[in-house]
Amino acid sequence: MKKVYFIAGLGADSRAFSFLDLSFCNPQFIDWVTPGANETLPSYAEKLFSHINNEEATIVGLSFGGMLATEIAKRHPQTKVILISSSKTHSEIPNYLRFWRHFPIYKLHSDKLKNSAGGFVLSILGAKGLEQKKLQLEIMKDSDAAFTRWAMDAIVNWKNTIIPKNMIHIHGTGRQASTLPICKSRSYY
């Protein structure tokens, strides 16, 4: 069975993929590593790729993980990259994140704030149903505030304009995606 590498969204872990049917592959979930103080999104992507170390890998990136997978695809053209609910270029970043580029309120993010902002964040992330909302809240509580601040800064300052040819982009509702093998009979957020 082929290994497929998965990079979760901002601060999330393998649980972000728990609503997907991954029986078609041998899933390998890439763990976050500590970024350098002023590390860019492209350099962090290379750091993650060193844990994959397979030029012909298939990589699935969800949200922030998709942005990282885009950077990997640019530098490693033999990889096959699938983005789920992500941005390929800086112009596709949602408006609320573009706003934060000019008003960096994300720098105030702390453990105390993340625990009180759950409902707002769930509405942005689009969790559907009680099970997904509960899981998203658990992931938020387990996320590292310092990593989240760094990642938000890397996202809002990402300047990518290149769309690699070795990439497929899935972006839509769980209903639309449920016809794809990776999402068989379960939705994602």
C-alpha atoms as a PDB file:
ATOM      1  CA  MET A   1       0.000   0.000   0.000  1.00  0.00           C
ATOM      2  CA  LYS A   2       1.405   3.401  -1.021  1.00  0.00           C
ATOM      3  CA  LYS A   3       2.493   5.894   1.633  1.00  0.00           C
ATOM      4  CA  VAL A   4       0.690   9.222   1.471  1.00  0.00           C
ATOM      5  CA  TYR A   5       1.949  12.085   3.631  1.00  0.00           C
ATOM      6  CA  PHE A   6      -0.543  14.388   5.352  1.00  0.00           C
ATOM      7  CA  ILE A   7       0.113  17.908   6.674  1.00  0.00           C
ATOM      8  CA  ALA A   8      -2.709  19.222   8.870  1.00  0.00           C
ATOM      9  CA  GLY A   9      -4.024  22.744   9.175  1.00  0.00           C
ATOM     10  CA  LEU A  10      -2.770  25.415  11.537  1.00  0.00           C
ATOM     11  CA  GLY A  11      -1.857  23.911  14.895  1.00  0.00           C
ATOM     12  CA  ALA A  12      -3.849  20.746  14.151  1.00  0.00           C
ATOM     13  CA  ASP A  13      -2.591  17.186  14.051  1.00  0.00           C
ATOM     14  CA  SER A  14      -3.618  13.873  12.523  1.00  0.00           C
ATOM     15  CA  ARG A  15      -7.072  14.221  14.110  1.00  0.00           C
ATOM     16  CA  ALA A  16      -7.881  16.807  11.415  1.00  0.00           C
ATOM     17  CA  PHE A  17      -8.040  13.911   8.944  1.00  0.00           C
ATOM     18  CA  SER A  18     -10.159  11.623  11.130  1.00  0.00           C
ATOM     19  CA  PHE A  19     -13.296  12.216   9.043  1.00  0.00           C
ATOM     20  CA  LEU A  20     -11.609  11.011   5.844  1.00  0.00           C
ATOM     21  CA  ASP A  21     -11.587   7.457   4.520  1.00  0.00           C
ATOM     22  CA  LEU A  22      -7.861   6.782   4.133  1.00  0.00           C
ATOM     23  CA  SER A  23      -8.152   3.037   3.544  1.00  0.00           C
ATOM     24  CA  PHE A  24      -6.646   3.462   0.048  1.00  0.00           C
ATOM     25  CA  CYS A  25      -3.197   4.311   1.429  1.00  0.00           C
ATOM     26  CA  ASN A  26      -0.702   3.980   4.253  1.00  0.00           C
ATOM     27  CA  PRO A  27      -1.153   7.442   5.844  1.00  0.00           C
ATOM     28  CA  GLN A  28       1.912   9.158   7.276  1.00  0.00           C
ATOM     29  CA  PHE A  29       1.051  12.196   9.389  1.00  0.00           C
ATOM     30  CA  ILE A  30       3.737  14.885   9.488  1.00  0.00           C
ATOM     31  CA  ASP A  31       4.221  16.378  12.944  1.00  0.00           C
ATOM     32  CA  TRP A  32       4.937  20.060  13.461  1.00  0.00           C
ATOM     33  CA  VAL A  33       8.499  21.031  14.312  1.00  0.00           C
ATOM     34  CA  THR A  34       9.557  24.188  16.099  1.00  0.00           C
ATOM     35  CA  PRO A  35      10.078  27.056  13.630  1.00  0.00           C
ATOM     36  CA  GLY A  36      12.966  29.469  13.853  1.00  0.00           C
ATOM     37  CA  ALA A  37      12.175  32.940  15.221  1.00  0.00           C
ATOM     38  CA  ASN A  38      11.964  34.641  11.805  1.00  0.00           C
ATOM     39  CA  GLU A  39      11.445  31.534   9.682  1.00  0.00           C
ATOM     40  CA  THR A  40       9.404  31.990   6.525  1.00  0.00           C
ATOM     41  CA  LEU A  41       6.681  29.686   5.291  1.00  0.00           C
ATOM     42  CA  PRO A  42       8.913  28.427   2.399  1.00  0.00           C
ATOM     43  CA  SER A  43      11.845  27.609   4.695  1.00  0.00           C
ATOM     44  CA  TYR A  44       9.537  25.894   7.187  1.00  0.00           C
ATOM     45  CA  ALA A  45       8.075  23.808   4.336  1.00  0.00           C
ATOM     46  CA  GLU A  46      11.595  22.611   3.497  1.00  0.00           C
ATOM     47  CA  LYS A  47      12.121  21.699   7.143  1.00  0.00           C
ATOM     48  CA  LEU A  48       8.952  19.562   7.058  1.00  0.00           C
ATOM     49  CA  PHE A  49       9.952  17.986   3.745  1.00  0.00           C
ATOM     50  CA  SER A  50      13.189  16.768   5.329  1.00  0.00           C
ATOM     51  CA  HIS A  51      10.973  14.434   7.406  1.00  0.00           C
ATOM     52  CA  ILE A  52       9.398  13.057   4.216  1.00  0.00           C
ATOM     53  CA  ASN A  53      12.636  12.842   2.226  1.00  0.00           C
ATOM     54  CA  ASN A  54      11.021  11.249  -0.839  1.00  0.00           C
ATOM     55  CA  GLU A  55      11.158  13.227  -4.090  1.00  0.00           C
ATOM     56  CA  GLU A  56       8.247  11.204  -5.510  1.00  0.00           C
ATOM     57  CA  ALA A  57       6.020  11.446  -2.433  1.00  0.00           C
ATOM     58  CA  THR A  58       2.301  12.098  -2.531  1.00  0.00           C
ATOM     59  CA  ILE A  59       1.501  14.873  -0.048  1.00  0.00           C
ATOM     60  CA  VAL A  60      -1.939  16.034   1.096  1.00  0.00           C
ATOM     61  CA  GLY A  61      -2.090  19.457   2.739  1.00  0.00           C
ATOM     62  CA  LEU A  62      -5.145  20.762   4.587  1.00  0.00           C
ATOM     63  CA  SER A  63      -5.571  24.544   4.890  1.00  0.00           C
ATOM     64  CA  PHE A  64      -2.250  25.885   6.293  1.00  0.00           C
ATOM     65  CA  GLY A  65      -0.755  22.466   5.522  1.00  0.00           C
ATOM     66  CA  GLY A  66      -1.769  23.048   1.903  1.00  0.00           C
ATOM     67  CA  MET A  67       0.187  26.275   1.778  1.00  0.00           C
ATOM     68  CA  LEU A  68       3.213  24.363   3.056  1.00  0.00           C
ATOM     69  CA  ALA A  69       2.573  21.590   0.521  1.00  0.00           C
ATOM     70  CA  THR A  70       2.465  24.253  -2.233  1.00  0.00           C
ATOM     71  CA  GLU A  71       5.945  25.394  -1.244  1.00  0.00           C
ATOM     72  CA  ILE A  72       7.133  21.779  -1.264  1.00  0.00           C
ATOM     73  CA  ALA A  73       5.609  21.253  -4.735  1.00  0.00           C
ATOM     74  CA  LYS A  74       7.475  24.330  -6.053  1.00  0.00           C
ATOM     75  CA  ARG A  75      10.858  23.040  -4.905  1.00  0.00           C
ATOM     76  CA  HIS A  76      10.271  19.327  -5.535  1.00  0.00           C
ATOM     77  CA  PRO A  77       8.543  18.920  -8.916  1.00  0.00           C
ATOM     78  CA  GLN A  78       8.517  15.095  -8.710  1.00  0.00           C
ATOM     79  CA  THR A  79       6.165  15.183  -5.712  1.00  0.00           C
ATOM     80  CA  LYS A  80       2.416  14.914  -6.177  1.00  0.00           C
ATOM     81  CA  VAL A  81       0.522  17.393  -4.020  1.00  0.00           C
ATOM     82  CA  ILE A  82      -3.177  17.561  -3.162  1.00  0.00           C
ATOM     83  CA  LEU A  83      -4.541  20.655  -1.430  1.00  0.00           C
ATOM     84  CA  ILE A  84      -7.752  20.511   0.566  1.00  0.00           C
ATOM     85  CA  SER A  85      -9.465  23.800   1.506  1.00  0.00           C
ATOM     86  CA  SER A  86      -6.310  25.816   1.111  1.00  0.00           C
ATOM     87  CA  SER A  87      -4.737  28.683  -0.818  1.00  0.00           C
ATOM     88  CA  LYS A  88      -2.321  28.120  -3.697  1.00  0.00           C
ATOM     89  CA  THR A  89      -1.193  31.762  -3.839  1.00  0.00           C
ATOM     90  CA  HIS A  90      -1.248  34.772  -1.543  1.00  0.00           C
ATOM     91  CA  SER A  91      -4.138  36.269  -3.556  1.00  0.00           C
ATOM     92  CA  GLU A  92      -6.381  33.349  -2.488  1.00  0.00           C
ATOM     93  CA  ILE A  93      -5.889  33.988   1.224  1.00  0.00           C
ATOM     94  CA  PRO A  94      -9.268  34.821   2.849  1.00  0.00           C
ATOM     95  CA  ASN A  95     -10.093  38.484   3.436  1.00  0.00           C
ATOM     96  CA  TYR A  96     -10.027  38.215   7.241  1.00  0.00           C
ATOM     97  CA  LEU A  97      -6.399  37.045   7.034  1.00  0.00           C
ATOM     98  CA  ARG A  98      -5.526  39.836   4.614  1.00  0.00           C
ATOM     99  CA  PHE A  99      -6.972  42.248   7.178  1.00  0.00           C
ATOM    100  CA  TRP A 100      -4.562  40.819   9.756  1.00  0.00           C
ATOM    101  CA  ARG A 101      -1.665  41.659   7.428  1.00  0.00           C
ATOM    102  CA  HIS A 102      -2.370  45.340   8.207  1.00  0.00           C
ATOM    103  CA  PHE A 103      -3.758  44.907  11.721  1.00  0.00           C
ATOM    104  CA  PRO A 104      -1.786  42.023  13.262  1.00  0.00           C
ATOM    105  CA  ILE A 105      -4.195  41.209  16.087  1.00  0.00           C
ATOM    106  CA  TYR A 106      -3.061  37.569  15.866  1.00  0.00           C
ATOM    107  CA  LYS A 107       0.070  38.618  17.764  1.00  0.00           C
ATOM    108  CA  LEU A 108      -2.145  38.913  20.851  1.00  0.00           C
ATOM    109  CA  HIS A 109      -2.990  35.200  20.614  1.00  0.00           C
ATOM    110  CA  SER A 110      -2.449  33.401  23.904  1.00  0.00           C
ATOM    111  CA  ASP A 111      -3.608  30.231  25.629  1.00  0.00           C
ATOM    112  CA  LYS A 112      -6.227  32.239  27.535  1.00  0.00           C
ATOM    113  CA  LEU A 113      -7.573  33.880  24.372  1.00  0.00           C
ATOM    114  CA  LYS A 114      -7.715  30.672  22.334  1.00  0.00           C
ATOM    115  CA  ASN A 115      -9.893  29.031  24.974  1.00  0.00           C
ATOM    116  CA  SER A 116     -12.394  31.902  24.909  1.00  0.00           C
ATOM    117  CA  ALA A 117     -12.586  32.354  21.124  1.00  0.00           C
ATOM    118  CA  GLY A 118     -13.792  28.852  20.283  1.00  0.00           C
ATOM    119  CA  GLY A 119     -17.170  29.745  18.744  1.00  0.00           C
ATOM    120  CA  PHE A 120     -15.718  32.444  16.501  1.00  0.00           C
ATOM    121  CA  VAL A 121     -12.929  30.180  15.284  1.00  0.00           C
ATOM    122  CA  LEU A 122     -15.348  27.311  14.622  1.00  0.00           C
ATOM    123  CA  SER A 123     -17.427  29.587  12.401  1.00  0.00           C
ATOM    124  CA  ILE A 124     -14.327  30.486  10.358  1.00  0.00           C
ATOM    125  CA  LEU A 125     -13.116  26.899  10.065  1.00  0.00           C
ATOM    126  CA  GLY A 126     -16.523  25.609   9.030  1.00  0.00           C
ATOM    127  CA  ALA A 127     -16.829  22.635  11.370  1.00  0.00           C
ATOM    128  CA  LYS A 128     -20.157  20.917  10.697  1.00  0.00           C
ATOM    129  CA  GLY A 129     -22.069  18.848  13.191  1.00  0.00           C
ATOM    130  CA  LEU A 130     -21.472  18.215  16.867  1.00  0.00           C
ATOM    131  CA  GLU A 131     -18.750  15.608  16.329  1.00  0.00           C
ATOM    132  CA  GLN A 132     -16.609  17.880  14.133  1.00  0.00           C
ATOM    133  CA  LYS A 133     -17.123  20.905  16.389  1.00  0.00           C
ATOM    134  CA  LYS A 134     -16.095  18.909  19.454  1.00  0.00           C
ATOM    135  CA  LEU A 135     -12.968  17.641  17.693  1.00  0.00           C
ATOM    136  CA  GLN A 136     -12.066  21.136  16.439  1.00  0.00           C
ATOM    137  CA  LEU A 137     -12.363  22.542  19.966  1.00  0.00           C
ATOM    138  CA  GLU A 138     -10.107  19.756  21.300  1.00  0.00           C
ATOM    139  CA  ILE A 139      -7.523  20.492  18.619  1.00  0.00           C
ATOM    140  CA  MET A 140      -7.680  24.225  19.412  1.00  0.00           C
ATOM    141  CA  LYS A 141      -7.137  23.584  23.131  1.00  0.00           C
ATOM    142  CA  ASP A 142      -4.158  21.351  22.359  1.00  0.00           C
ATOM    143  CA  SER A 143      -2.524  23.811  19.957  1.00  0.00           C
ATOM    144  CA  ASP A 144       0.558  25.789  20.940  1.00  0.00           C
ATOM    145  CA  ALA A 145      -0.056  29.560  21.120  1.00  0.00           C
ATOM    146  CA  ALA A 146       3.536  30.466  20.172  1.00  0.00           C
ATOM    147  CA  PHE A 147       3.388  28.215  17.098  1.00  0.00           C
ATOM    148  CA  THR A 148       0.024  29.717  16.127  1.00  0.00           C
ATOM    149  CA  ARG A 149       1.413  33.278  16.347  1.00  0.00           C
ATOM    150  CA  TRP A 150       4.408  32.296  14.192  1.00  0.00           C
ATOM    151  CA  ALA A 151       2.195  30.481  11.652  1.00  0.00           C
ATOM    152  CA  MET A 152      -0.258  33.386  11.383  1.00  0.00           C
ATOM    153  CA  ASP A 153       2.646  35.737  10.722  1.00  0.00           C
ATOM    154  CA  ALA A 154       4.040  33.349   8.082  1.00  0.00           C
ATOM    155  CA  ILE A 155       0.594  33.120   6.430  1.00  0.00           C
ATOM    156  CA  VAL A 156      -0.124  36.851   6.264  1.00  0.00           C
ATOM    157  CA  ASN A 157       3.364  37.544   4.921  1.00  0.00           C
ATOM    158  CA  TRP A 158       3.345  34.719   2.347  1.00  0.00           C
ATOM    159  CA  LYS A 159       3.959  36.171  -1.126  1.00  0.00           C
ATOM    160  CA  ASN A 160       3.597  33.110  -3.352  1.00  0.00           C
ATOM    161  CA  THR A 161       2.340  33.734  -6.902  1.00  0.00           C
ATOM    162  CA  ILE A 162       3.443  30.418  -8.455  1.00  0.00           C
ATOM    163  CA  ILE A 163       0.976  27.567  -8.992  1.00  0.00           C
ATOM    164  CA  PRO A 164       3.008  24.371  -9.390  1.00  0.00           C
ATOM    165  CA  LYS A 165       1.938  21.946 -12.127  1.00  0.00           C
ATOM    166  CA  ASN A 166       2.310  18.938  -9.806  1.00  0.00           C
ATOM    167  CA  MET A 167      -0.648  19.955  -7.653  1.00  0.00           C
ATOM    168  CA  ILE A 168      -4.401  19.274  -7.447  1.00  0.00           C
ATOM    169  CA  HIS A 169      -6.652  21.626  -5.487  1.00  0.00           C
ATOM    170  CA  ILE A 170      -9.849  20.400  -3.795  1.00  0.00           C
ATOM    171  CA  HIS A 171     -11.865  23.290  -2.440  1.00  0.00           C
ATOM    172  CA  GLY A 172     -15.567  23.041  -1.769  1.00  0.00           C
ATOM    173  CA  THR A 173     -18.167  21.629   0.536  1.00  0.00           C
ATOM    174  CA  GLY A 174     -18.104  18.202   2.161  1.00  0.00           C
ATOM    175  CA  ARG A 175     -21.019  17.243  -0.126  1.00  0.00           C
ATOM    176  CA  GLN A 176     -18.993  17.997  -3.256  1.00  0.00           C
ATOM    177  CA  ALA A 177     -15.891  16.309  -1.904  1.00  0.00           C
ATOM    178  CA  SER A 178     -17.731  13.178  -0.777  1.00  0.00           C
ATOM    179  CA  THR A 179     -17.610  11.847  -4.348  1.00  0.00           C
ATOM    180  CA  LEU A 180     -13.804  11.774  -4.231  1.00  0.00           C
ATOM    181  CA  PRO A 181     -12.096   8.560  -3.022  1.00  0.00           C
ATOM    182  CA  ILE A 182     -10.200  10.405  -0.291  1.00  0.00           C
ATOM    183  CA  CYS A 183     -13.460  11.679   1.214  1.00  0.00           C
ATOM    184  CA  LYS A 184     -15.624   8.598   0.701  1.00  0.00           C
ATOM    185  CA  SER A 185     -18.868   8.906   2.692  1.00  0.00           C
ATOM    186  CA  ARG A 186     -17.497  11.383   5.222  1.00  0.00           C
ATOM    187  CA  SER A 187     -17.150  15.119   5.139  1.00  0.00           C
ATOM    188  CA  TYR A 188     -14.211  17.197   6.270  1.00  0.00           C
ATOM    189  CA  TYR A 189     -13.730  20.716   7.497  1.00  0.00           C
END
